[in-house]
Amino acid sequence: MPEALIRRALPEDWSKIREICCKTAQAGAEIARERWPFFAELWVGPYQRLLPEWCYVAESPDGEVVAYLTGCPESRKFAAARAIFHSIPLFVKILTRRYDWNGDVSRFVRRTLRLARDPERSFSRRARRLVQGNYPAHLHVNAEASYRGAGIGQKLVERFIIDLKERGFSSGTHIICGSGPVKFYQRTGFETLERLEFLPGVPIYLMGRRA
């Protein structure tokens, strides 16, 4: 397979990033099309609006975006900005029926109102403190199915890590994932910090990579 070009995301890339997000959202498989508008806005929208300079794509030789990484150097600051500038406006859009009601919308509303568990807040206090102190950056990686296993995801992660160091962010990076991507992240230098059963039979992992 020809080598893909790793570069920063450009404004014209975001529609494709949203598409890949939805085509890989269900353990690497595509979610139902009616879920796409809200799901993409929930998971991609905050990075597109608040931190586009920390997002990267892999471009195939024919110019097609085939994978992406969304990232953040300081997760606590990002979470505060996301709540004000993304989650609240998104909540208002739900109230004004800009999105059809579905399971994704329901989970977002319940978690926003603290009526349901949030994966990020489900880990132990010890683990969350460890992340805040030693692994404050975070990232998400997704790739088109036909380009998985070709090393593109690892190259995206390495570019992100290099840019963190060059811009003065010397601490580690964390991710939260299900069981499917664990081996990929292990190959990319991450280790498991904590594992828990988020739902019966549904484990989630908090993983970190030192700088």
N, C-alpha and C. Protein backbone atom coordinates (compact mmCIF):
# COMPACT_ATOMS: atom_id res chain seq x y z
N MET A 1 0.85 -1.20 0.00
CA MET A 1 0.00 0.00 0.00
C MET A 1 0.89 1.25 0.00
N PRO A 2 0.66 2.22 -0.91
CA PRO A 2 1.46 3.44 -0.94
C PRO A 2 1.37 4.19 0.37
N GLU A 3 2.47 4.86 0.73
CA GLU A 3 2.54 5.56 2.01
C GLU A 3 1.64 6.80 2.00
N ALA A 4 0.94 7.02 3.10
CA ALA A 4 0.07 8.18 3.23
C ALA A 4 0.85 9.36 3.78
N LEU A 5 0.43 10.54 3.43
CA LEU A 5 1.02 11.78 3.93
C LEU A 5 0.35 12.18 5.24
N ILE A 6 1.13 12.42 6.29
CA ILE A 6 0.60 12.88 7.57
C ILE A 6 0.76 14.40 7.61
N ARG A 7 -0.33 15.10 7.84
CA ARG A 7 -0.29 16.56 7.87
C ARG A 7 -1.36 17.08 8.82
N ARG A 8 -1.27 18.37 9.13
CA ARG A 8 -2.31 19.00 9.95
C ARG A 8 -3.61 19.09 9.17
N ALA A 9 -4.71 19.01 9.89
CA ALA A 9 -6.01 19.12 9.26
C ALA A 9 -6.24 20.54 8.73
N LEU A 10 -6.87 20.62 7.58
CA LEU A 10 -7.24 21.89 6.96
C LEU A 10 -8.76 22.07 7.05
N PRO A 11 -9.25 23.29 6.90
CA PRO A 11 -10.71 23.50 7.00
C PRO A 11 -11.53 22.58 6.10
N GLU A 12 -11.01 22.30 4.92
CA GLU A 12 -11.77 21.46 3.98
C GLU A 12 -11.75 19.98 4.34
N ASP A 13 -10.98 19.58 5.35
CA ASP A 13 -10.90 18.17 5.75
C ASP A 13 -12.00 17.76 6.72
N TRP A 14 -12.66 18.71 7.35
CA TRP A 14 -13.50 18.34 8.48
C TRP A 14 -14.73 17.52 8.12
N SER A 15 -15.28 17.72 6.94
CA SER A 15 -16.43 16.89 6.56
C SER A 15 -16.01 15.43 6.43
N LYS A 16 -14.81 15.19 5.90
CA LYS A 16 -14.31 13.82 5.78
C LYS A 16 -13.96 13.25 7.15
N ILE A 17 -13.40 14.07 8.04
CA ILE A 17 -13.12 13.61 9.40
C ILE A 17 -14.41 13.17 10.08
N ARG A 18 -15.46 13.95 9.94
CA ARG A 18 -16.74 13.58 10.53
C ARG A 18 -17.27 12.27 9.94
N GLU A 19 -17.09 12.13 8.64
CA GLU A 19 -17.54 10.90 7.99
C GLU A 19 -16.80 9.68 8.53
N ILE A 20 -15.47 9.78 8.64
CA ILE A 20 -14.69 8.65 9.15
C ILE A 20 -15.07 8.35 10.59
N CYS A 21 -15.30 9.38 11.38
CA CYS A 21 -15.73 9.19 12.77
C CYS A 21 -16.97 8.31 12.83
N CYS A 22 -17.95 8.60 11.99
CA CYS A 22 -19.21 7.85 12.02
C CYS A 22 -19.08 6.47 11.39
N LYS A 23 -18.17 6.34 10.43
CA LYS A 23 -17.98 5.05 9.77
C LYS A 23 -17.18 4.07 10.61
N THR A 24 -16.59 4.54 11.71
CA THR A 24 -15.75 3.68 12.55
C THR A 24 -16.21 3.68 14.01
N ALA A 25 -17.38 4.25 14.30
CA ALA A 25 -17.77 4.54 15.68
C ALA A 25 -18.19 3.33 16.48
N GLN A 26 -18.61 2.28 15.82
CA GLN A 26 -19.14 1.12 16.53
C GLN A 26 -18.12 -0.01 16.48
N ALA A 27 -17.11 0.09 17.35
CA ALA A 27 -16.02 -0.89 17.38
C ALA A 27 -15.40 -1.06 16.01
N GLY A 28 -15.21 0.07 15.31
CA GLY A 28 -14.59 0.05 13.99
C GLY A 28 -15.57 -0.07 12.84
N ALA A 29 -16.85 -0.25 13.15
CA ALA A 29 -17.87 -0.38 12.12
C ALA A 29 -18.73 0.88 12.06
N GLU A 30 -19.49 1.00 11.00
CA GLU A 30 -20.30 2.19 10.75
C GLU A 30 -21.57 2.19 11.60
N ILE A 31 -21.94 3.35 12.11
CA ILE A 31 -23.21 3.50 12.81
C ILE A 31 -24.30 3.86 11.81
N ALA A 32 -25.55 3.76 12.23
CA ALA A 32 -26.68 4.08 11.35
C ALA A 32 -26.61 5.52 10.88
N ARG A 33 -26.96 5.77 9.64
CA ARG A 33 -26.82 7.09 9.05
C ARG A 33 -27.61 8.17 9.79
N GLU A 34 -28.76 7.80 10.36
CA GLU A 34 -29.55 8.81 11.06
C GLU A 34 -28.84 9.31 12.33
N ARG A 35 -27.83 8.59 12.80
CA ARG A 35 -27.07 9.01 13.98
C ARG A 35 -25.94 9.97 13.64
N TRP A 36 -25.56 10.04 12.38
CA TRP A 36 -24.36 10.78 11.98
C TRP A 36 -24.34 12.24 12.41
N PRO A 37 -25.39 13.03 12.14
CA PRO A 37 -25.27 14.48 12.42
C PRO A 37 -24.92 14.79 13.87
N PHE A 38 -25.66 14.20 14.81
CA PHE A 38 -25.38 14.50 16.22
C PHE A 38 -24.09 13.85 16.68
N PHE A 39 -23.85 12.60 16.28
CA PHE A 39 -22.67 11.88 16.74
C PHE A 39 -21.40 12.61 16.33
N ALA A 40 -21.34 13.04 15.08
CA ALA A 40 -20.15 13.75 14.60
C ALA A 40 -19.98 15.08 15.30
N GLU A 41 -21.07 15.77 15.55
CA GLU A 41 -20.98 17.06 16.25
C GLU A 41 -20.50 16.86 17.68
N LEU A 42 -20.95 15.79 18.32
CA LEU A 42 -20.57 15.51 19.70
C LEU A 42 -19.08 15.18 19.82
N TRP A 43 -18.57 14.35 18.90
CA TRP A 43 -17.21 13.83 19.06
C TRP A 43 -16.15 14.58 18.27
N VAL A 44 -16.54 15.20 17.17
CA VAL A 44 -15.58 15.93 16.35
C VAL A 44 -15.70 17.44 16.53
N GLY A 45 -16.93 17.91 16.71
CA GLY A 45 -17.20 19.34 16.80
C GLY A 45 -16.31 20.11 17.77
N PRO A 46 -16.09 19.64 19.00
CA PRO A 46 -15.27 20.41 19.94
C PRO A 46 -13.83 20.64 19.45
N TYR A 47 -13.25 19.64 18.80
CA TYR A 47 -11.88 19.78 18.31
C TYR A 47 -11.83 20.69 17.09
N GLN A 48 -12.83 20.58 16.24
CA GLN A 48 -12.89 21.44 15.06
C GLN A 48 -12.99 22.91 15.44
N ARG A 49 -13.75 23.21 16.48
CA ARG A 49 -13.98 24.60 16.85
C ARG A 49 -12.92 25.14 17.83
N LEU A 50 -12.46 24.30 18.74
CA LEU A 50 -11.60 24.79 19.81
C LEU A 50 -10.12 24.51 19.60
N LEU A 51 -9.77 23.40 18.95
CA LEU A 51 -8.36 23.02 18.83
C LEU A 51 -8.03 22.47 17.44
N PRO A 52 -8.40 23.15 16.38
CA PRO A 52 -8.11 22.58 15.05
C PRO A 52 -6.62 22.44 14.79
N GLU A 53 -5.79 23.24 15.48
CA GLU A 53 -4.34 23.17 15.25
C GLU A 53 -3.72 21.89 15.82
N TRP A 54 -4.47 21.13 16.62
CA TRP A 54 -3.97 19.88 17.19
C TRP A 54 -4.63 18.67 16.53
N CYS A 55 -5.13 18.85 15.33
CA CYS A 55 -5.77 17.75 14.62
C CYS A 55 -5.01 17.46 13.33
N TYR A 56 -4.92 16.20 12.99
CA TYR A 56 -4.08 15.74 11.89
C TYR A 56 -4.86 14.75 11.03
N VAL A 57 -4.44 14.64 9.78
CA VAL A 57 -5.04 13.66 8.89
C VAL A 57 -3.94 12.88 8.16
N ALA A 58 -4.31 11.71 7.69
CA ALA A 58 -3.47 10.93 6.78
C ALA A 58 -4.12 11.01 5.41
N GLU A 59 -3.35 11.47 4.44
CA GLU A 59 -3.86 11.66 3.08
C GLU A 59 -3.24 10.62 2.16
N SER A 60 -4.07 9.89 1.44
CA SER A 60 -3.58 8.87 0.51
C SER A 60 -2.93 9.53 -0.70
N PRO A 61 -2.15 8.77 -1.49
CA PRO A 61 -1.50 9.35 -2.67
C PRO A 61 -2.46 10.00 -3.66
N ASP A 62 -3.71 9.58 -3.68
CA ASP A 62 -4.67 10.20 -4.60
C ASP A 62 -5.41 11.39 -3.97
N GLY A 63 -4.94 11.84 -2.79
CA GLY A 63 -5.49 13.04 -2.18
C GLY A 63 -6.68 12.83 -1.28
N GLU A 64 -7.00 11.59 -0.94
CA GLU A 64 -8.16 11.29 -0.10
C GLU A 64 -7.74 11.19 1.37
N VAL A 65 -8.49 11.83 2.26
CA VAL A 65 -8.26 11.69 3.69
C VAL A 65 -8.77 10.31 4.13
N VAL A 66 -7.88 9.50 4.71
CA VAL A 66 -8.23 8.12 5.05
C VAL A 66 -8.15 7.84 6.55
N ALA A 67 -7.62 8.77 7.33
CA ALA A 67 -7.52 8.60 8.78
C ALA A 67 -7.32 9.98 9.40
N TYR A 68 -7.59 10.05 10.71
CA TYR A 68 -7.41 11.34 11.39
C TYR A 68 -7.04 11.12 12.85
N LEU A 69 -6.49 12.15 13.43
CA LEU A 69 -6.24 12.20 14.87
C LEU A 69 -6.74 13.54 15.38
N THR A 70 -7.59 13.51 16.40
CA THR A 70 -7.97 14.72 17.12
C THR A 70 -7.28 14.66 18.48
N GLY A 71 -6.69 15.77 18.91
CA GLY A 71 -5.92 15.74 20.14
C GLY A 71 -5.98 17.04 20.90
N CYS A 72 -5.39 17.00 22.09
CA CYS A 72 -5.43 18.14 23.00
C CYS A 72 -4.23 18.06 23.94
N PRO A 73 -3.47 19.14 24.11
CA PRO A 73 -2.31 19.10 25.00
C PRO A 73 -2.65 19.21 26.47
N GLU A 74 -3.77 19.86 26.81
CA GLU A 74 -4.14 20.09 28.21
C GLU A 74 -5.63 19.77 28.38
N SER A 75 -5.90 18.57 28.82
CA SER A 75 -7.27 18.08 28.84
C SER A 75 -8.19 18.84 29.80
N ARG A 76 -7.69 19.27 30.94
CA ARG A 76 -8.55 19.98 31.90
C ARG A 76 -9.02 21.31 31.33
N LYS A 77 -8.12 22.04 30.70
CA LYS A 77 -8.50 23.31 30.08
C LYS A 77 -9.48 23.08 28.94
N PHE A 78 -9.22 22.03 28.16
CA PHE A 78 -10.12 21.70 27.06
C PHE A 78 -11.51 21.35 27.56
N ALA A 79 -11.59 20.57 28.63
CA ALA A 79 -12.89 20.17 29.17
C ALA A 79 -13.70 21.38 29.61
N ALA A 80 -13.04 22.35 30.23
CA ALA A 80 -13.73 23.56 30.67
C ALA A 80 -14.24 24.36 29.48
N ALA A 81 -13.39 24.51 28.45
CA ALA A 81 -13.80 25.25 27.26
C ALA A 81 -14.90 24.51 26.51
N ARG A 82 -14.80 23.19 26.44
CA ARG A 82 -15.82 22.40 25.75
C ARG A 82 -17.18 22.54 26.41
N ALA A 83 -17.20 22.54 27.74
CA ALA A 83 -18.47 22.68 28.45
C ALA A 83 -19.16 23.99 28.11
N ILE A 84 -18.39 25.07 28.07
CA ILE A 84 -18.97 26.41 27.84
C ILE A 84 -19.29 26.65 26.38
N PHE A 85 -18.35 26.34 25.51
CA PHE A 85 -18.47 26.75 24.11
C PHE A 85 -19.01 25.67 23.18
N HIS A 86 -19.15 24.44 23.70
CA HIS A 86 -19.70 23.39 22.85
C HIS A 86 -20.88 22.67 23.49
N SER A 87 -20.72 22.17 24.71
CA SER A 87 -21.78 21.37 25.31
C SER A 87 -23.04 22.18 25.60
N ILE A 88 -22.87 23.38 26.12
CA ILE A 88 -24.05 24.21 26.40
C ILE A 88 -24.78 24.58 25.11
N PRO A 89 -24.09 25.09 24.08
CA PRO A 89 -24.79 25.36 22.82
C PRO A 89 -25.43 24.10 22.21
N LEU A 90 -24.77 22.96 22.34
CA LEU A 90 -25.33 21.71 21.82
C LEU A 90 -26.60 21.34 22.58
N PHE A 91 -26.59 21.54 23.88
CA PHE A 91 -27.77 21.27 24.70
C PHE A 91 -28.94 22.16 24.25
N VAL A 92 -28.65 23.42 23.98
CA VAL A 92 -29.69 24.34 23.52
C VAL A 92 -30.25 23.88 22.17
N LYS A 93 -29.39 23.42 21.29
CA LYS A 93 -29.85 22.93 19.99
C LYS A 93 -30.78 21.73 20.15
N ILE A 94 -30.49 20.89 21.13
CA ILE A 94 -31.36 19.74 21.40
C ILE A 94 -32.72 20.23 21.88
N LEU A 95 -32.71 21.21 22.78
CA LEU A 95 -33.97 21.73 23.31
C LEU A 95 -34.82 22.38 22.22
N THR A 96 -34.15 22.97 21.24
CA THR A 96 -34.88 23.61 20.14
C THR A 96 -35.08 22.66 18.97
N ARG A 97 -34.84 21.38 19.19
CA ARG A 97 -35.13 20.30 18.24
C ARG A 97 -34.35 20.41 16.94
N ARG A 98 -33.10 20.83 17.07
CA ARG A 98 -32.24 20.87 15.90
C ARG A 98 -31.75 19.46 15.54
N TYR A 99 -31.83 18.54 16.50
CA TYR A 99 -31.45 17.16 16.27
C TYR A 99 -32.60 16.23 16.62
N ASP A 100 -32.74 15.16 15.85
CA ASP A 100 -33.73 14.14 16.17
C ASP A 100 -33.31 13.41 17.44
N TRP A 101 -34.29 13.08 18.25
CA TRP A 101 -34.00 12.37 19.50
C TRP A 101 -33.61 10.94 19.21
N ASN A 102 -32.49 10.51 19.76
CA ASN A 102 -32.06 9.12 19.64
C ASN A 102 -31.24 8.75 20.86
N GLY A 103 -30.66 7.56 20.86
CA GLY A 103 -29.90 7.12 22.02
C GLY A 103 -28.70 7.97 22.32
N ASP A 104 -28.01 8.46 21.29
CA ASP A 104 -26.85 9.32 21.49
C ASP A 104 -27.24 10.63 22.17
N VAL A 105 -28.33 11.22 21.71
CA VAL A 105 -28.82 12.47 22.30
C VAL A 105 -29.22 12.23 23.74
N SER A 106 -29.93 11.13 23.99
CA SER A 106 -30.38 10.82 25.34
C SER A 106 -29.20 10.64 26.29
N ARG A 107 -28.17 9.92 25.87
CA ARG A 107 -26.99 9.73 26.72
C ARG A 107 -26.30 11.06 27.00
N PHE A 108 -26.18 11.90 25.97
CA PHE A 108 -25.54 13.20 26.17
C PHE A 108 -26.31 14.03 27.19
N VAL A 109 -27.63 14.07 27.07
CA VAL A 109 -28.44 14.86 28.00
C VAL A 109 -28.31 14.31 29.41
N ARG A 110 -28.42 13.00 29.57
CA ARG A 110 -28.35 12.41 30.90
C ARG A 110 -26.97 12.61 31.53
N ARG A 111 -25.91 12.49 30.74
CA ARG A 111 -24.58 12.70 31.30
C ARG A 111 -24.33 14.16 31.61
N THR A 112 -24.84 15.05 30.77
CA THR A 112 -24.68 16.48 31.03
C THR A 112 -25.37 16.88 32.32
N LEU A 113 -26.52 16.28 32.59
CA LEU A 113 -27.28 16.57 33.81
C LEU A 113 -26.84 15.70 34.98
N ARG A 114 -25.78 14.91 34.78
CA ARG A 114 -25.24 14.00 35.80
C ARG A 114 -26.28 12.98 36.28
N LEU A 115 -27.12 12.54 35.33
CA LEU A 115 -28.11 11.51 35.63
C LEU A 115 -27.65 10.13 35.17
N ALA A 116 -26.52 10.08 34.50
CA ALA A 116 -25.97 8.81 34.03
C ALA A 116 -24.45 8.87 34.14
N ARG A 117 -23.84 7.71 34.18
CA ARG A 117 -22.38 7.63 34.32
C ARG A 117 -21.69 8.14 33.07
N ASP A 118 -20.59 8.82 33.28
CA ASP A 118 -19.73 9.29 32.20
C ASP A 118 -18.45 8.46 32.25
N PRO A 119 -18.01 7.88 31.12
CA PRO A 119 -16.79 7.05 31.17
C PRO A 119 -15.60 7.76 31.78
N GLU A 120 -15.40 9.03 31.45
CA GLU A 120 -14.22 9.75 31.96
C GLU A 120 -14.24 9.90 33.47
N ARG A 121 -15.44 10.01 34.05
CA ARG A 121 -15.55 10.19 35.50
C ARG A 121 -15.76 8.87 36.24
N SER A 122 -15.73 7.76 35.52
CA SER A 122 -15.97 6.46 36.14
C SER A 122 -14.72 5.83 36.72
N PHE A 123 -13.56 6.28 36.26
CA PHE A 123 -12.32 5.71 36.79
C PHE A 123 -12.06 6.21 38.20
N SER A 124 -11.21 5.52 38.91
CA SER A 124 -10.94 5.86 40.31
C SER A 124 -10.32 7.25 40.43
N ARG A 125 -10.45 7.83 41.60
CA ARG A 125 -9.85 9.14 41.85
C ARG A 125 -8.34 9.07 41.69
N ARG A 126 -7.74 7.98 42.13
CA ARG A 126 -6.29 7.81 41.99
C ARG A 126 -5.89 7.87 40.53
N ALA A 127 -6.62 7.16 39.66
CA ALA A 127 -6.29 7.13 38.24
C ALA A 127 -6.47 8.50 37.60
N ARG A 128 -7.54 9.20 37.98
CA ARG A 128 -7.79 10.52 37.40
C ARG A 128 -6.72 11.52 37.84
N ARG A 129 -6.27 11.41 39.08
CA ARG A 129 -5.19 12.29 39.54
C ARG A 129 -3.89 11.97 38.81
N LEU A 130 -3.65 10.70 38.57
CA LEU A 130 -2.46 10.29 37.85
C LEU A 130 -2.46 10.89 36.45
N VAL A 131 -3.62 10.85 35.79
CA VAL A 131 -3.74 11.42 34.44
C VAL A 131 -3.51 12.92 34.48
N GLN A 132 -4.13 13.60 35.42
CA GLN A 132 -3.98 15.06 35.50
C GLN A 132 -2.53 15.47 35.71
N GLY A 133 -1.81 14.69 36.52
CA GLY A 133 -0.44 15.05 36.83
C GLY A 133 0.58 14.62 35.80
N ASN A 134 0.39 13.41 35.23
CA ASN A 134 1.43 12.82 34.39
C ASN A 134 1.05 12.61 32.92
N TYR A 135 -0.25 12.60 32.62
CA TYR A 135 -0.70 12.32 31.25
C TYR A 135 -1.79 13.31 30.83
N PRO A 136 -1.53 14.61 30.89
CA PRO A 136 -2.61 15.59 30.68
C PRO A 136 -3.10 15.71 29.24
N ALA A 137 -2.29 15.33 28.26
CA ALA A 137 -2.73 15.38 26.86
C ALA A 137 -3.61 14.17 26.56
N HIS A 138 -4.43 14.27 25.51
CA HIS A 138 -5.19 13.11 25.07
C HIS A 138 -5.38 13.15 23.56
N LEU A 139 -5.80 12.02 23.00
CA LEU A 139 -6.00 11.94 21.55
C LEU A 139 -7.04 10.88 21.22
N HIS A 140 -7.55 10.98 19.98
CA HIS A 140 -8.45 9.97 19.39
C HIS A 140 -7.94 9.70 17.98
N VAL A 141 -7.91 8.45 17.57
CA VAL A 141 -7.46 8.07 16.23
C VAL A 141 -8.50 7.18 15.59
N ASN A 142 -8.83 7.45 14.32
CA ASN A 142 -9.72 6.59 13.55
C ASN A 142 -9.24 6.52 12.11
N ALA A 143 -9.41 5.37 11.48
CA ALA A 143 -8.96 5.18 10.10
C ALA A 143 -10.00 4.38 9.32
N GLU A 144 -10.08 4.67 8.03
CA GLU A 144 -10.91 3.88 7.14
C GLU A 144 -10.50 2.41 7.24
N ALA A 145 -11.48 1.51 7.13
CA ALA A 145 -11.21 0.09 7.31
C ALA A 145 -10.12 -0.42 6.39
N SER A 146 -10.10 0.03 5.15
CA SER A 146 -9.13 -0.48 4.17
C SER A 146 -7.71 -0.01 4.45
N TYR A 147 -7.54 0.96 5.37
CA TYR A 147 -6.21 1.47 5.67
C TYR A 147 -5.73 1.08 7.07
N ARG A 148 -6.47 0.25 7.76
CA ARG A 148 -6.02 -0.20 9.07
C ARG A 148 -4.93 -1.26 8.93
N GLY A 149 -4.03 -1.28 9.89
CA GLY A 149 -2.96 -2.26 9.88
C GLY A 149 -1.78 -1.88 9.01
N ALA A 150 -1.82 -0.67 8.46
CA ALA A 150 -0.73 -0.23 7.58
C ALA A 150 0.22 0.72 8.27
N GLY A 151 0.04 0.93 9.57
CA GLY A 151 0.93 1.81 10.32
C GLY A 151 0.55 3.27 10.30
N ILE A 152 -0.60 3.60 9.69
CA ILE A 152 -0.99 5.00 9.59
C ILE A 152 -1.36 5.57 10.95
N GLY A 153 -2.10 4.80 11.74
CA GLY A 153 -2.49 5.26 13.07
C GLY A 153 -1.28 5.57 13.93
N GLN A 154 -0.28 4.70 13.88
CA GLN A 154 0.93 4.92 14.67
C GLN A 154 1.66 6.17 14.21
N LYS A 155 1.70 6.42 12.92
CA LYS A 155 2.36 7.62 12.40
C LYS A 155 1.63 8.88 12.85
N LEU A 156 0.31 8.83 12.90
CA LEU A 156 -0.45 9.98 13.40
C LEU A 156 -0.12 10.25 14.86
N VAL A 157 -0.08 9.18 15.67
CA VAL A 157 0.25 9.34 17.09
C VAL A 157 1.65 9.92 17.25
N GLU A 158 2.61 9.40 16.50
CA GLU A 158 3.99 9.88 16.63
C GLU A 158 4.09 11.35 16.24
N ARG A 159 3.37 11.77 15.21
CA ARG A 159 3.40 13.18 14.82
C ARG A 159 2.84 14.05 15.94
N PHE A 160 1.76 13.61 16.56
CA PHE A 160 1.16 14.35 17.67
C PHE A 160 2.13 14.46 18.83
N ILE A 161 2.78 13.35 19.20
CA ILE A 161 3.73 13.35 20.32
C ILE A 161 4.92 14.27 20.03
N ILE A 162 5.43 14.21 18.82
CA ILE A 162 6.56 15.06 18.44
C ILE A 162 6.18 16.54 18.54
N ASP A 163 4.99 16.88 18.05
CA ASP A 163 4.56 18.28 18.10
C ASP A 163 4.32 18.75 19.53
N LEU A 164 3.83 17.85 20.39
CA LEU A 164 3.70 18.21 21.81
C LEU A 164 5.05 18.62 22.38
N LYS A 165 6.06 17.81 22.15
CA LYS A 165 7.39 18.08 22.69
C LYS A 165 7.97 19.37 22.11
N GLU A 166 7.82 19.56 20.81
CA GLU A 166 8.39 20.74 20.17
C GLU A 166 7.73 22.03 20.64
N ARG A 167 6.47 21.94 21.09
CA ARG A 167 5.76 23.12 21.55
C ARG A 167 5.76 23.25 23.07
N GLY A 168 6.61 22.48 23.74
CA GLY A 168 6.84 22.66 25.16
C GLY A 168 5.95 21.88 26.10
N PHE A 169 5.18 20.94 25.57
CA PHE A 169 4.33 20.10 26.42
C PHE A 169 5.07 18.78 26.66
N SER A 170 5.69 18.67 27.82
CA SER A 170 6.62 17.57 28.06
C SER A 170 6.03 16.41 28.86
N SER A 171 4.75 16.52 29.26
CA SER A 171 4.13 15.43 30.02
C SER A 171 3.55 14.38 29.07
N GLY A 172 2.92 13.37 29.64
CA GLY A 172 2.42 12.26 28.86
C GLY A 172 1.04 12.48 28.27
N THR A 173 0.57 11.44 27.56
CA THR A 173 -0.70 11.47 26.84
C THR A 173 -1.55 10.29 27.27
N HIS A 174 -2.86 10.47 27.36
CA HIS A 174 -3.74 9.37 27.73
C HIS A 174 -4.84 9.19 26.68
N ILE A 175 -5.44 8.02 26.72
CA ILE A 175 -6.62 7.73 25.90
C ILE A 175 -7.58 6.89 26.74
N ILE A 176 -8.85 6.92 26.38
CA ILE A 176 -9.87 6.04 26.96
C ILE A 176 -10.47 5.26 25.81
N CYS A 177 -10.51 3.94 25.92
CA CYS A 177 -11.00 3.14 24.80
C CYS A 177 -11.64 1.85 25.30
N GLY A 178 -12.35 1.19 24.40
CA GLY A 178 -12.85 -0.14 24.66
C GLY A 178 -11.77 -1.17 24.42
N SER A 179 -12.14 -2.44 24.46
CA SER A 179 -11.13 -3.50 24.36
C SER A 179 -10.55 -3.62 22.96
N GLY A 180 -11.30 -3.24 21.92
CA GLY A 180 -10.85 -3.41 20.55
C GLY A 180 -9.52 -2.75 20.23
N PRO A 181 -9.34 -1.46 20.55
CA PRO A 181 -8.09 -0.78 20.17
C PRO A 181 -6.92 -0.97 21.12
N VAL A 182 -7.08 -1.76 22.19
CA VAL A 182 -6.04 -1.85 23.21
C VAL A 182 -4.71 -2.31 22.62
N LYS A 183 -4.72 -3.34 21.79
CA LYS A 183 -3.46 -3.85 21.22
C LYS A 183 -2.79 -2.80 20.35
N PHE A 184 -3.59 -2.03 19.59
CA PHE A 184 -3.00 -0.97 18.78
C PHE A 184 -2.29 0.04 19.66
N TYR A 185 -2.94 0.48 20.72
CA TYR A 185 -2.31 1.47 21.58
C TYR A 185 -1.11 0.90 22.33
N GLN A 186 -1.15 -0.37 22.67
CA GLN A 186 0.02 -0.99 23.29
C GLN A 186 1.21 -0.97 22.33
N ARG A 187 0.96 -1.27 21.06
CA ARG A 187 2.04 -1.23 20.07
C ARG A 187 2.56 0.19 19.87
N THR A 188 1.74 1.18 20.20
CA THR A 188 2.11 2.57 19.99
C THR A 188 2.73 3.18 21.25
N GLY A 189 2.98 2.36 22.26
CA GLY A 189 3.70 2.83 23.44
C GLY A 189 2.85 3.13 24.65
N PHE A 190 1.54 2.86 24.60
CA PHE A 190 0.66 3.12 25.74
C PHE A 190 0.62 1.89 26.64
N GLU A 191 0.40 2.14 27.93
CA GLU A 191 0.21 1.06 28.90
C GLU A 191 -1.10 1.30 29.65
N THR A 192 -1.70 0.23 30.12
CA THR A 192 -2.96 0.34 30.83
C THR A 192 -2.75 0.92 32.22
N LEU A 193 -3.44 2.01 32.51
CA LEU A 193 -3.39 2.63 33.84
C LEU A 193 -4.51 2.10 34.72
N GLU A 194 -5.66 1.83 34.13
CA GLU A 194 -6.79 1.26 34.88
C GLU A 194 -7.78 0.66 33.90
N ARG A 195 -8.39 -0.44 34.31
CA ARG A 195 -9.44 -1.09 33.54
C ARG A 195 -10.66 -1.23 34.43
N LEU A 196 -11.84 -0.99 33.88
CA LEU A 196 -13.06 -1.17 34.67
C LEU A 196 -14.19 -1.65 33.77
N GLU A 197 -15.19 -2.25 34.40
CA GLU A 197 -16.40 -2.68 33.70
C GLU A 197 -17.38 -1.50 33.72
N PHE A 198 -17.46 -0.79 32.60
CA PHE A 198 -18.36 0.36 32.54
C PHE A 198 -19.81 -0.10 32.57
N LEU A 199 -20.10 -1.17 31.84
CA LEU A 199 -21.37 -1.88 31.87
C LEU A 199 -21.05 -3.36 31.96
N PRO A 200 -21.98 -4.20 32.40
CA PRO A 200 -21.68 -5.64 32.48
C PRO A 200 -21.17 -6.18 31.14
N GLY A 201 -19.96 -6.71 31.16
CA GLY A 201 -19.38 -7.26 29.95
C GLY A 201 -18.80 -6.24 28.99
N VAL A 202 -18.77 -4.97 29.41
CA VAL A 202 -18.25 -3.90 28.55
C VAL A 202 -17.11 -3.20 29.28
N PRO A 203 -15.88 -3.68 29.10
CA PRO A 203 -14.74 -3.04 29.78
C PRO A 203 -14.30 -1.78 29.04
N ILE A 204 -13.80 -0.83 29.79
CA ILE A 204 -13.13 0.33 29.20
C ILE A 204 -11.76 0.47 29.86
N TYR A 205 -10.83 1.04 29.10
CA TYR A 205 -9.45 1.13 29.52
C TYR A 205 -9.00 2.58 29.54
N LEU A 206 -8.28 2.93 30.59
CA LEU A 206 -7.57 4.19 30.65
C LEU A 206 -6.10 3.86 30.42
N MET A 207 -5.53 4.40 29.35
CA MET A 207 -4.16 4.07 28.97
C MET A 207 -3.33 5.34 28.88
N GLY A 208 -2.04 5.23 29.15
CA GLY A 208 -1.17 6.38 29.11
C GLY A 208 0.16 6.07 28.46
N ARG A 209 0.72 7.09 27.85
CA ARG A 209 2.06 6.99 27.27
C ARG A 209 2.90 8.13 27.82
N ARG A 210 4.04 7.79 28.38
CA ARG A 210 4.92 8.81 28.93
C ARG A 210 5.55 9.61 27.81
N ALA A 211 5.92 10.84 28.13
CA ALA A 211 6.54 11.72 27.13
C ALA A 211 7.85 11.13 26.66
